[in-house]
Amino acid sequence: PVLKASTLPYQLTAPALALLLVFRTEASYSRFEEGRK
């Protein structure tokens, strides 16, 4: 078979991945800021 699928699952999970990366980076920066203080 040809390996292909609908793009709907990616359209639904893309915001979740974006928020996950934003929260991960924000948590790391808060640790950096706490160490600097």
All heavy atoms as atom14 arrays in JSON, in Angstrom:
{
  "sequence": "PVLKASTLPYQLTAPALALLLVFRTEASYSRFEEGRK",
  "atom14_mask": [
    [1, 1, 1, 1, 1, 1, 1, 0, 0, 0, 0, 0, 0, 0],
    [1, 1, 1, 1, 1, 1, 1, 0, 0, 0, 0, 0, 0, 0],
    [1, 1, 1, 1, 1, 1, 1, 1, 0, 0, 0, 0, 0, 0],
    [1, 1, 1, 1, 1, 1, 1, 1, 1, 0, 0, 0, 0, 0],
    [1, 1, 1, 1, 1, 0, 0, 0, 0, 0, 0, 0, 0, 0],
    [1, 1, 1, 1, 1, 1, 0, 0, 0, 0, 0, 0, 0, 0],
    [1, 1, 1, 1, 1, 1, 1, 0, 0, 0, 0, 0, 0, 0],
    [1, 1, 1, 1, 1, 1, 1, 1, 0, 0, 0, 0, 0, 0],
    [1, 1, 1, 1, 1, 1, 1, 0, 0, 0, 0, 0, 0, 0],
    [1, 1, 1, 1, 1, 1, 1, 1, 1, 1, 1, 1, 0, 0],
    [1, 1, 1, 1, 1, 1, 1, 1, 1, 0, 0, 0, 0, 0],
    [1, 1, 1, 1, 1, 1, 1, 1, 0, 0, 0, 0, 0, 0],
    [1, 1, 1, 1, 1, 1, 1, 0, 0, 0, 0, 0, 0, 0],
    [1, 1, 1, 1, 1, 0, 0, 0, 0, 0, 0, 0, 0, 0],
    [1, 1, 1, 1, 1, 1, 1, 0, 0, 0, 0, 0, 0, 0],
    [1, 1, 1, 1, 1, 0, 0, 0, 0, 0, 0, 0, 0, 0],
    [1, 1, 1, 1, 1, 1, 1, 1, 0, 0, 0, 0, 0, 0],
    [1, 1, 1, 1, 1, 0, 0, 0, 0, 0, 0, 0, 0, 0],
    [1, 1, 1, 1, 1, 1, 1, 1, 0, 0, 0, 0, 0, 0],
    [1, 1, 1, 1, 1, 1, 1, 1, 0, 0, 0, 0, 0, 0],
    [1, 1, 1, 1, 1, 1, 1, 1, 0, 0, 0, 0, 0, 0],
    [1, 1, 1, 1, 1, 1, 1, 0, 0, 0, 0, 0, 0, 0],
    [1, 1, 1, 1, 1, 1, 1, 1, 1, 1, 1, 0, 0, 0],
    [1, 1, 1, 1, 1, 1, 1, 1, 1, 1, 1, 0, 0, 0],
    [1, 1, 1, 1, 1, 1, 1, 0, 0, 0, 0, 0, 0, 0],
    [1, 1, 1, 1, 1, 1, 1, 1, 1, 0, 0, 0, 0, 0],
    [1, 1, 1, 1, 1, 0, 0, 0, 0, 0, 0, 0, 0, 0],
    [1, 1, 1, 1, 1, 1, 0, 0, 0, 0, 0, 0, 0, 0],
    [1, 1, 1, 1, 1, 1, 1, 1, 1, 1, 1, 1, 0, 0],
    [1, 1, 1, 1, 1, 1, 0, 0, 0, 0, 0, 0, 0, 0],
    [1, 1, 1, 1, 1, 1, 1, 1, 1, 1, 1, 0, 0, 0],
    [1, 1, 1, 1, 1, 1, 1, 1, 1, 1, 1, 0, 0, 0],
    [1, 1, 1, 1, 1, 1, 1, 1, 1, 0, 0, 0, 0, 0],
    [1, 1, 1, 1, 1, 1, 1, 1, 1, 0, 0, 0, 0, 0],
    [1, 1, 1, 1, 0, 0, 0, 0, 0, 0, 0, 0, 0, 0],
    [1, 1, 1, 1, 1, 1, 1, 1, 1, 1, 1, 0, 0, 0],
    [1, 1, 1, 1, 1, 1, 1, 1, 1, 0, 0, 0, 0, 0]
  ],
  "atom14_positions": [
    [[0.83, -1.21, 0.0], [0.0, 0.0, 0.0], [0.86, 1.26, 0.0], [2.03, 1.26, 0.4], [-0.77, -0.12, 1.31], [0.18, -0.84, 2.22], [0.95, -1.79, 1.34], [0.0, 0.0, 0.0], [0.0, 0.0, 0.0], [0.0, 0.0, 0.0], [0.0, 0.0, 0.0], [0.0, 0.0, 0.0], [0.0, 0.0, 0.0], [0.0, 0.0, 0.0]],
    [[0.26, 2.34, -0.46], [0.89, 3.65, -0.35], [0.65, 4.19, 1.06], [-0.48, 4.21, 1.54], [0.33, 4.62, -1.42], [0.93, 6.02, -1.24], [0.62, 4.1, -2.81], [0.0, 0.0, 0.0], [0.0, 0.0, 0.0], [0.0, 0.0, 0.0], [0.0, 0.0, 0.0], [0.0, 0.0, 0.0], [0.0, 0.0, 0.0], [0.0, 0.0, 0.0]],
    [[1.73, 4.63, 1.72], [1.63, 5.12, 3.09], [1.18, 6.58, 3.06], [1.98, 7.49, 2.79], [2.98, 4.97, 3.81], [3.51, 3.54, 3.96], [4.85, 3.55, 4.66], [2.52, 2.67, 4.7], [0.0, 0.0, 0.0], [0.0, 0.0, 0.0], [0.0, 0.0, 0.0], [0.0, 0.0, 0.0], [0.0, 0.0, 0.0], [0.0, 0.0, 0.0]],
    [[-0.07, 6.8, 3.31], [-0.62, 8.15, 3.35], [-1.79, 8.16, 4.32], [-2.37, 7.12, 4.65], [-1.07, 8.6, 1.97], [-2.15, 7.74, 1.35], [-2.53, 8.23, -0.03], [-3.62, 7.35, -0.65], [-4.03, 7.85, -1.98], [0.0, 0.0, 0.0], [0.0, 0.0, 0.0], [0.0, 0.0, 0.0], [0.0, 0.0, 0.0], [0.0, 0.0, 0.0]],
    [[-2.12, 9.38, 4.81], [-3.2, 9.52, 5.77], [-3.74, 10.93, 5.69], [-3.18, 11.81, 5.02], [-2.73, 9.2, 7.19], [0.0, 0.0, 0.0], [0.0, 0.0, 0.0], [0.0, 0.0, 0.0], [0.0, 0.0, 0.0], [0.0, 0.0, 0.0], [0.0, 0.0, 0.0], [0.0, 0.0, 0.0], [0.0, 0.0, 0.0], [0.0, 0.0, 0.0]],
    [[-4.84, 11.14, 6.37], [-5.47, 12.46, 6.38], [-4.68, 13.43, 7.26], [-4.04, 13.04, 8.23], [-6.91, 12.33, 6.91], [-7.48, 13.62, 7.07], [0.0, 0.0, 0.0], [0.0, 0.0, 0.0], [0.0, 0.0, 0.0], [0.0, 0.0, 0.0], [0.0, 0.0, 0.0], [0.0, 0.0, 0.0], [0.0, 0.0, 0.0], [0.0, 0.0, 0.0]],
    [[-4.74, 14.7, 6.92], [-4.06, 15.74, 7.7], [-4.88, 16.23, 8.89], [-4.4, 17.07, 9.65], [-3.75, 16.95, 6.79], [-4.98, 17.46, 6.25], [-2.83, 16.54, 5.65], [0.0, 0.0, 0.0], [0.0, 0.0, 0.0], [0.0, 0.0, 0.0], [0.0, 0.0, 0.0], [0.0, 0.0, 0.0], [0.0, 0.0, 0.0], [0.0, 0.0, 0.0]],
    [[-6.08, 15.72, 9.05], [-6.94, 16.18, 10.15], [-6.32, 15.9, 11.53], [-6.38, 16.79, 12.39], [-8.31, 15.52, 10.04], [-9.34, 15.94, 11.1], [-9.6, 17.43, 11.04], [-10.63, 15.14, 10.94], [0.0, 0.0, 0.0], [0.0, 0.0, 0.0], [0.0, 0.0, 0.0], [0.0, 0.0, 0.0], [0.0, 0.0, 0.0], [0.0, 0.0, 0.0]],
    [[-5.72, 14.73, 11.78], [-5.11, 14.54, 13.11], [-4.01, 15.56, 13.41], [-3.88, 16.01, 14.55], [-4.55, 13.12, 13.03], [-5.39, 12.44, 12.0], [-5.7, 13.49, 11.0], [0.0, 0.0, 0.0], [0.0, 0.0, 0.0], [0.0, 0.0, 0.0], [0.0, 0.0, 0.0], [0.0, 0.0, 0.0], [0.0, 0.0, 0.0], [0.0, 0.0, 0.0]],
    [[-3.25, 15.94, 12.41], [-2.2, 16.94, 12.64], [-2.79, 18.32, 12.89], [-2.26, 19.09, 13.69], [-1.25, 16.98, 11.44], [-0.04, 16.1, 11.63], [-0.18, 14.79, 12.06], [1.22, 16.58, 11.41], [0.91, 13.98, 12.23], [2.34, 15.78, 11.58], [2.17, 14.47, 12.0], [3.26, 13.68, 12.2], [0.0, 0.0, 0.0], [0.0, 0.0, 0.0]],
    [[-3.86, 18.64, 12.22], [-4.5, 19.93, 12.46], [-5.07, 20.03, 13.87], [-5.09, 21.1, 14.47], [-5.6, 20.15, 11.43], [-5.11, 20.27, 9.99], [-6.26, 20.37, 9.0], [-7.42, 20.49, 9.39], [-5.93, 20.29, 7.72], [0.0, 0.0, 0.0], [0.0, 0.0, 0.0], [0.0, 0.0, 0.0], [0.0, 0.0, 0.0], [0.0, 0.0, 0.0]],
    [[-5.47, 18.89, 14.42], [-6.03, 18.88, 15.77], [-4.95, 18.88, 16.84], [-5.14, 19.44, 17.93], [-6.94, 17.66, 15.95], [-8.2, 17.63, 15.07], [-8.95, 16.31, 15.29], [-9.1, 18.81, 15.37], [0.0, 0.0, 0.0], [0.0, 0.0, 0.0], [0.0, 0.0, 0.0], [0.0, 0.0, 0.0], [0.0, 0.0, 0.0], [0.0, 0.0, 0.0]],
    [[-3.8, 18.23, 16.57], [-2.75, 18.11, 17.59], [-1.67, 19.17, 17.49], [-0.85, 19.29, 18.41], [-2.1, 16.73, 17.49], [-1.58, 16.54, 16.15], [-3.1, 15.63, 17.8], [0.0, 0.0, 0.0], [0.0, 0.0, 0.0], [0.0, 0.0, 0.0], [0.0, 0.0, 0.0], [0.0, 0.0, 0.0], [0.0, 0.0, 0.0], [0.0, 0.0, 0.0]],
    [[-1.64, 19.94, 16.41], [-0.61, 20.98, 16.27], [-0.68, 22.02, 17.39], [0.36, 22.39, 17.94], [-0.72, 21.64, 14.9], [0.0, 0.0, 0.0], [0.0, 0.0, 0.0], [0.0, 0.0, 0.0], [0.0, 0.0, 0.0], [0.0, 0.0, 0.0], [0.0, 0.0, 0.0], [0.0, 0.0, 0.0], [0.0, 0.0, 0.0], [0.0, 0.0, 0.0]],
    [[-1.85, 22.54, 17.78], [-1.88, 23.48, 18.91], [-1.38, 22.86, 20.21], [-0.73, 23.55, 21.01], [-3.36, 23.87, 19.0], [-3.92, 23.6, 17.65], [-3.18, 22.41, 17.15], [0.0, 0.0, 0.0], [0.0, 0.0, 0.0], [0.0, 0.0, 0.0], [0.0, 0.0, 0.0], [0.0, 0.0, 0.0], [0.0, 0.0, 0.0], [0.0, 0.0, 0.0]],
    [[-1.66, 21.58, 20.43], [-1.18, 20.93, 21.65], [0.34, 20.87, 21.68], [0.98, 21.13, 22.71], [-1.77, 19.53, 21.77], [0.0, 0.0, 0.0], [0.0, 0.0, 0.0], [0.0, 0.0, 0.0], [0.0, 0.0, 0.0], [0.0, 0.0, 0.0], [0.0, 0.0, 0.0], [0.0, 0.0, 0.0], [0.0, 0.0, 0.0], [0.0, 0.0, 0.0]],
    [[0.96, 20.55, 20.53], [2.42, 20.52, 20.48], [3.01, 21.91, 20.68], [4.02, 22.08, 21.38], [2.87, 19.95, 19.13], [4.38, 19.88, 18.89], [5.05, 19.02, 19.94], [4.68, 19.36, 17.49], [0.0, 0.0, 0.0], [0.0, 0.0, 0.0], [0.0, 0.0, 0.0], [0.0, 0.0, 0.0], [0.0, 0.0, 0.0], [0.0, 0.0, 0.0]],
    [[2.39, 22.92, 20.09], [2.89, 24.29, 20.26], [2.82, 24.73, 21.72], [3.78, 25.29, 22.26], [2.07, 25.24, 19.38], [0.0, 0.0, 0.0], [0.0, 0.0, 0.0], [0.0, 0.0, 0.0], [0.0, 0.0, 0.0], [0.0, 0.0, 0.0], [0.0, 0.0, 0.0], [0.0, 0.0, 0.0], [0.0, 0.0, 0.0], [0.0, 0.0, 0.0]],
    [[1.71, 24.45, 22.39], [1.58, 24.82, 23.8], [2.57, 24.04, 24.66], [3.14, 24.58, 25.63], [0.16, 24.56, 24.28], [-0.93, 25.5, 23.71], [-2.31, 25.05, 24.19], [-0.66, 26.94, 24.14], [0.0, 0.0, 0.0], [0.0, 0.0, 0.0], [0.0, 0.0, 0.0], [0.0, 0.0, 0.0], [0.0, 0.0, 0.0], [0.0, 0.0, 0.0]],
    [[2.79, 22.79, 24.32], [3.73, 21.97, 25.09], [5.15, 22.54, 24.99], [5.86, 22.65, 26.0], [3.71, 20.54, 24.58], [4.42, 19.48, 25.43], [3.78, 19.37, 26.79], [4.36, 18.13, 24.71], [0.0, 0.0, 0.0], [0.0, 0.0, 0.0], [0.0, 0.0, 0.0], [0.0, 0.0, 0.0], [0.0, 0.0, 0.0], [0.0, 0.0, 0.0]],
    [[5.55, 22.95, 23.8], [6.88, 23.53, 23.63], [6.99, 24.89, 24.33], [8.01, 25.21, 24.95], [7.2, 23.68, 22.14], [7.49, 22.39, 21.38], [7.64, 22.68, 19.89], [8.74, 21.71, 21.92], [0.0, 0.0, 0.0], [0.0, 0.0, 0.0], [0.0, 0.0, 0.0], [0.0, 0.0, 0.0], [0.0, 0.0, 0.0], [0.0, 0.0, 0.0]],
    [[5.92, 25.69, 24.26], [5.94, 27.0, 24.91], [6.04, 26.85, 26.42], [6.85, 27.52, 27.08], [4.69, 27.81, 24.51], [4.55, 29.06, 25.39], [4.76, 28.22, 23.05], [0.0, 0.0, 0.0], [0.0, 0.0, 0.0], [0.0, 0.0, 0.0], [0.0, 0.0, 0.0], [0.0, 0.0, 0.0], [0.0, 0.0, 0.0], [0.0, 0.0, 0.0]],
    [[5.25, 25.97, 26.99], [5.29, 25.77, 28.44], [6.63, 25.2, 28.87], [7.16, 25.56, 29.93], [4.15, 24.85, 28.87], [2.79, 25.47, 28.74], [1.66, 24.67, 28.62], [2.63, 26.85, 28.73], [0.4, 25.24, 28.49], [1.38, 27.43, 28.6], [0.25, 26.62, 28.49], [0.0, 0.0, 0.0], [0.0, 0.0, 0.0], [0.0, 0.0, 0.0]],
    [[7.2, 24.3, 28.07], [8.5, 23.71, 28.4], [9.59, 24.79, 28.42], [10.41, 24.85, 29.35], [8.84, 22.63, 27.38], [10.22, 22.0, 27.54], [10.26, 21.17, 28.8], [11.48, 20.41, 28.91], [12.65, 20.88, 29.33], [12.75, 22.15, 29.7], [13.72, 20.1, 29.42], [0.0, 0.0, 0.0], [0.0, 0.0, 0.0], [0.0, 0.0, 0.0]],
    [[9.61, 25.64, 27.41], [10.61, 26.7, 27.35], [10.38, 27.74, 28.44], [11.34, 28.25, 29.03], [10.59, 27.35, 25.96], [10.66, 26.35, 24.95], [11.75, 28.3, 25.79], [0.0, 0.0, 0.0], [0.0, 0.0, 0.0], [0.0, 0.0, 0.0], [0.0, 0.0, 0.0], [0.0, 0.0, 0.0], [0.0, 0.0, 0.0], [0.0, 0.0, 0.0]],
    [[9.13, 28.06, 28.72], [8.83, 29.03, 29.76], [9.24, 28.52, 31.13], [9.77, 29.27, 31.97], [7.33, 29.34, 29.75], [6.9, 30.39, 30.76], [7.5, 31.75, 30.5], [7.87, 32.04, 29.35], [7.61, 32.53, 31.47], [0.0, 0.0, 0.0], [0.0, 0.0, 0.0], [0.0, 0.0, 0.0], [0.0, 0.0, 0.0], [0.0, 0.0, 0.0]],
    [[9.02, 27.24, 31.41], [9.45, 26.66, 32.68], [10.97, 26.71, 32.82], [11.49, 26.99, 33.91], [8.94, 25.23, 32.8], [0.0, 0.0, 0.0], [0.0, 0.0, 0.0], [0.0, 0.0, 0.0], [0.0, 0.0, 0.0], [0.0, 0.0, 0.0], [0.0, 0.0, 0.0], [0.0, 0.0, 0.0], [0.0, 0.0, 0.0], [0.0, 0.0, 0.0]],
    [[11.68, 26.44, 31.73], [13.15, 26.51, 31.78], [13.62, 27.94, 32.0], [14.56, 28.18, 32.77], [13.75, 25.94, 30.49], [13.41, 24.59, 30.32], [0.0, 0.0, 0.0], [0.0, 0.0, 0.0], [0.0, 0.0, 0.0], [0.0, 0.0, 0.0], [0.0, 0.0, 0.0], [0.0, 0.0, 0.0], [0.0, 0.0, 0.0], [0.0, 0.0, 0.0]],
    [[12.97, 28.91, 31.35], [13.39, 30.3, 31.52], [13.1, 30.8, 32.93], [13.87, 31.61, 33.48], [12.7, 31.2, 30.5], [13.12, 32.64, 30.63], [14.36, 33.05, 30.15], [12.31, 33.59, 31.25], [14.78, 34.36, 30.28], [12.72, 34.9, 31.38], [13.94, 35.28, 30.9], [14.37, 36.58, 31.03], [0.0, 0.0, 0.0], [0.0, 0.0, 0.0]],
    [[12.03, 30.33, 33.54], [11.75, 30.73, 34.92], [12.84, 30.21, 35.86], [13.22, 30.9, 36.82], [10.38, 30.21, 35.34], [10.36, 28.79, 35.37], [0.0, 0.0, 0.0], [0.0, 0.0, 0.0], [0.0, 0.0, 0.0], [0.0, 0.0, 0.0], [0.0, 0.0, 0.0], [0.0, 0.0, 0.0], [0.0, 0.0, 0.0], [0.0, 0.0, 0.0]],
    [[13.37, 29.02, 35.6], [14.49, 28.51, 36.38], [15.74, 29.36, 36.15], [16.49, 29.65, 37.1], [14.77, 27.06, 36.02], [13.72, 26.08, 36.49], [13.97, 24.7, 35.9], [15.29, 24.23, 36.17], [15.67, 23.59, 37.29], [14.78, 23.34, 38.22], [16.91, 23.19, 37.45], [0.0, 0.0, 0.0], [0.0, 0.0, 0.0], [0.0, 0.0, 0.0]],
    [[15.99, 29.75, 34.92], [17.13, 30.62, 34.62], [16.98, 31.96, 35.35], [17.96, 32.48, 35.92], [17.22, 30.83, 33.11], [18.26, 31.85, 32.7], [19.59, 31.48, 32.61], [17.9, 33.15, 32.41], [20.55, 32.41, 32.24], [18.84, 34.08, 32.04], [20.17, 33.71, 31.94], [0.0, 0.0, 0.0], [0.0, 0.0, 0.0], [0.0, 0.0, 0.0]],
    [[15.79, 32.52, 35.34], [15.56, 33.8, 36.01], [15.72, 33.66, 37.53], [16.27, 34.56, 38.18], [14.16, 34.3, 35.67], [13.83, 35.67, 36.2], [14.64, 36.77, 35.54], [15.27, 36.51, 34.5], [14.65, 37.89, 36.08], [0.0, 0.0, 0.0], [0.0, 0.0, 0.0], [0.0, 0.0, 0.0], [0.0, 0.0, 0.0], [0.0, 0.0, 0.0]],
    [[15.29, 32.55, 38.08], [15.43, 32.33, 39.52], [16.91, 32.2, 39.9], [17.34, 32.73, 40.93], [14.67, 31.08, 39.93], [14.55, 30.9, 41.44], [13.66, 29.73, 41.82], [13.1, 29.1, 40.89], [13.52, 29.46, 43.02], [0.0, 0.0, 0.0], [0.0, 0.0, 0.0], [0.0, 0.0, 0.0], [0.0, 0.0, 0.0], [0.0, 0.0, 0.0]],
    [[17.68, 31.51, 39.09], [19.11, 31.41, 39.35], [19.81, 32.76, 39.23], [20.71, 33.08, 40.03], [0.0, 0.0, 0.0], [0.0, 0.0, 0.0], [0.0, 0.0, 0.0], [0.0, 0.0, 0.0], [0.0, 0.0, 0.0], [0.0, 0.0, 0.0], [0.0, 0.0, 0.0], [0.0, 0.0, 0.0], [0.0, 0.0, 0.0], [0.0, 0.0, 0.0]],
    [[19.42, 33.56, 38.27], [20.01, 34.9, 38.12], [19.69, 35.78, 39.32], [20.56, 36.49, 39.83], [19.49, 35.54, 36.83], [20.13, 36.88, 36.5], [19.41, 37.56, 35.36], [18.05, 37.9, 35.73], [17.72, 38.99, 36.42], [18.66, 39.82, 36.84], [16.46, 39.24, 36.71], [0.0, 0.0, 0.0], [0.0, 0.0, 0.0], [0.0, 0.0, 0.0]],
    [[18.45, 35.72, 39.8], [18.07, 36.52, 40.97], [18.82, 36.05, 42.22], [19.21, 36.87, 43.05], [16.56, 36.43, 41.19], [15.74, 37.17, 40.14], [14.26, 37.05, 40.43], [13.43, 37.8, 39.4], [11.97, 37.67, 39.65], [0.0, 0.0, 0.0], [0.0, 0.0, 0.0], [0.0, 0.0, 0.0], [0.0, 0.0, 0.0], [0.0, 0.0, 0.0]]
  ]
}
